[in-house]
C-alpha atoms as a PDB file:
ATOM      1  CA  MET A   1     217.704  93.226  65.744  1.00  0.00           C
ATOM      2  CA  LEU A   2     214.803  92.344  63.457  1.00  0.00           C
ATOM      3  CA  SER A   3     211.549  91.047  64.867  1.00  0.00           C
ATOM      4  CA  ASN A   4     209.369  88.338  63.360  1.00  0.00           C
ATOM      5  CA  PHE A   5     207.630  91.075  61.404  1.00  0.00           C
ATOM      6  CA  ASN A   6     210.885  92.325  59.853  1.00  0.00           C
ATOM      7  CA  GLU A   7     210.761  95.537  61.869  1.00  0.00           C
ATOM      8  CA  TRP A   8     213.388  96.968  64.166  1.00  0.00           C
ATOM      9  CA  THR A   9     212.912  96.357  67.862  1.00  0.00           C
ATOM     10  CA  VAL A  10     214.681  97.578  70.976  1.00  0.00           C
ATOM     11  CA  GLY A  11     216.498  94.847  72.863  1.00  0.00           C
ATOM     12  CA  SER A  12     217.033  94.444  76.590  1.00  0.00           C
ATOM     13  CA  VAL A  13     220.530  95.945  76.405  1.00  0.00           C
ATOM     14  CA  PHE A  14     218.978  99.312  75.502  1.00  0.00           C
ATOM     15  CA  TYR A  15     216.839  99.414  78.657  1.00  0.00           C
ATOM     16  CA  SER A  16     219.703  98.478  80.969  1.00  0.00           C
ATOM     17  CA  THR A  17     221.810 101.230  79.387  1.00  0.00           C
ATOM     18  CA  LEU A  18     219.130 103.798  80.227  1.00  0.00           C
ATOM     19  CA  VAL A  19     218.981 102.651  83.851  1.00  0.00           C
ATOM     20  CA  THR A  20     222.772 102.689  84.170  1.00  0.00           C
ATOM     21  CA  ALA A  21     223.046 106.164  82.636  1.00  0.00           C
ATOM     22  CA  GLU A  22     220.396 107.493  85.022  1.00  0.00           C
ATOM     23  CA  ALA A  23     222.156 105.947  88.020  1.00  0.00           C
ATOM     24  CA  PHE A  24     225.580 107.300  87.067  1.00  0.00           C
ATOM     25  CA  GLY A  25     224.233 110.793  86.412  1.00  0.00           C
ATOM     26  CA  LYS A  26     226.081 113.676  84.798  1.00  0.00           C
ATOM     27  CA  SER A  27     228.760 114.461  87.401  1.00  0.00           C
ATOM     28  CA  ASP A  28     231.420 112.204  85.817  1.00  0.00           C
ATOM     29  CA  THR A  29     232.492 111.274  89.370  1.00  0.00           C
ATOM     30  CA  ALA A  30     230.010 108.477  90.130  1.00  0.00           C
ATOM     31  CA  ARG A  31     231.091 105.090  91.465  1.00  0.00           C
ATOM     32  CA  ILE A  32     228.674 102.196  91.914  1.00  0.00           C
ATOM     33  CA  VAL A  33     229.019  99.755  94.826  1.00  0.00           C
ATOM     34  CA  ASP A  34     227.136  96.452  95.026  1.00  0.00           C
ATOM     35  CA  LEU A  35     225.365  96.237  98.404  1.00  0.00           C
ATOM     36  CA  ASN A  36     225.340  92.416  98.285  1.00  0.00           C
ATOM     37  CA  SER A  37     221.608  91.901  98.591  1.00  0.00           C
ATOM     38  CA  PRO A  38     220.724  88.511 100.104  1.00  0.00           C
ATOM     39  CA  SER A  39     218.495  87.671  97.118  1.00  0.00           C
ATOM     40  CA  PRO A  40     219.476  87.573  93.434  1.00  0.00           C
ATOM     41  CA  PHE A  41     215.968  88.866  92.653  1.00  0.00           C
ATOM     42  CA  THR A  42     216.459  92.155  94.531  1.00  0.00           C
ATOM     43  CA  PRO A  43     219.911  93.572  93.708  1.00  0.00           C
ATOM     44  CA  ALA A  44     220.838  96.861  95.388  1.00  0.00           C
ATOM     45  CA  TYR A  45     223.567  99.374  94.593  1.00  0.00           C
ATOM     46  CA  ALA A  46     224.868 102.577  96.202  1.00  0.00           C
ATOM     47  CA  ILE A  47     226.040 105.372  93.924  1.00  0.00           C
ATOM     48  CA  TYR A  48     228.788 107.581  95.315  1.00  0.00           C
ATOM     49  CA  GLU A  49     229.652 110.974  93.851  1.00  0.00           C
ATOM     50  CA  ARG A  50     232.834 112.671  95.011  1.00  0.00           C
ATOM     51  CA  GLY A  51     233.117 110.092  97.803  1.00  0.00           C
ATOM     52  CA  THR A  52     229.621 110.675  99.222  1.00  0.00           C
ATOM     53  CA  VAL A  53     226.523 108.520  98.774  1.00  0.00           C
ATOM     54  CA  SER A  54     224.214 110.350  96.377  1.00  0.00           C
ATOM     55  CA  LYS A  55     221.749 107.663  95.246  1.00  0.00           C
ATOM     56  CA  PHE A  56     220.633 104.098  95.674  1.00  0.00           C
ATOM     57  CA  ALA A  57     219.483 101.841  92.854  1.00  0.00           C
ATOM     58  CA  LEU A  58     217.148  99.101  94.091  1.00  0.00           C
ATOM     59  CA  PHE A  59     215.681  96.542  91.702  1.00  0.00           C
ATOM     60  CA  ASN A  60     212.808  94.103  92.141  1.00  0.00           C
ATOM     61  CA  PHE A  61     212.865  91.130  89.771  1.00  0.00           C
ATOM     62  CA  ILE A  62     210.444  89.059  91.862  1.00  0.00           C
ATOM     63  CA  ASP A  63     207.763  87.524  89.661  1.00  0.00           C
ATOM     64  CA  ASP A  64     205.312  85.651  91.843  1.00  0.00           C
ATOM     65  CA  PRO A  65     202.008  84.519  90.267  1.00  0.00           C
ATOM     66  CA  SER A  66     200.256  85.079  93.604  1.00  0.00           C
ATOM     67  CA  GLY A  67     201.089  88.793  93.437  1.00  0.00           C
ATOM     68  CA  ALA A  68     203.519  88.688  96.362  1.00  0.00           C
ATOM     69  CA  ASN A  69     206.050  90.911  94.606  1.00  0.00           C
ATOM     70  CA  ASN A  70     206.618  93.635  97.214  1.00  0.00           C
ATOM     71  CA  VAL A  71     210.056  94.376  98.620  1.00  0.00           C
ATOM     72  CA  ASN A  72     210.763  96.462 101.725  1.00  0.00           C
ATOM     73  CA  ALA A  73     214.177  98.086 101.999  1.00  0.00           C
ATOM     74  CA  ALA A  74     215.713  99.802 105.013  1.00  0.00           C
ATOM     75  CA  ILE A  75     218.755 101.952 104.242  1.00  0.00           C
ATOM     76  CA  THR A  76     220.949 103.365 106.984  1.00  0.00           C
ATOM     77  CA  ILE A  77     223.812 105.768 106.347  1.00  0.00           C
ATOM     78  CA  SER A  78     226.284 106.212 109.200  1.00  0.00           C
ATOM     79  CA  GLY A  79     226.602 109.875 110.112  1.00  0.00           C
ATOM     80  CA  GLY A  80     223.929 110.822 107.612  1.00  0.00           C
ATOM     81  CA  GLY A  81     220.714 112.630 108.265  1.00  0.00           C
ATOM     82  CA  VAL A  82     217.269 111.744 107.062  1.00  0.00           C
ATOM     83  CA  PRO A  83     216.543 113.320 103.675  1.00  0.00           C
ATOM     84  CA  GLY A  84     213.579 115.659 103.405  1.00  0.00           C
ATOM     85  CA  SER A  85     212.194 113.679 100.459  1.00  0.00           C
ATOM     86  CA  VAL A  86     212.792 110.556  98.406  1.00  0.00           C
ATOM     87  CA  ARG A  87     212.234 110.270  94.661  1.00  0.00           C
ATOM     88  CA  VAL A  88     211.281 106.895  93.176  1.00  0.00           C
ATOM     89  CA  LYS A  89     211.691 106.334  89.450  1.00  0.00           C
END
């Protein structure tokens, strides 16, 4: 796509492709399940690899001029233990 300055720009499809590739990972066994978030502004997905939950993808599209953009998420996995650490990207 060309910008107003006749230079190439990166469109929104490029960024979503990066996020999707990161979520799927390299195992070639990943499956993504929509967690049916109650708000369209905070979609949430579970990523399963080889039938086991391996990651969660949580998005925050809230844009409030007052700055009230925080989202708290509680994730419970039946039969699962608490991980030693969590990585946020």
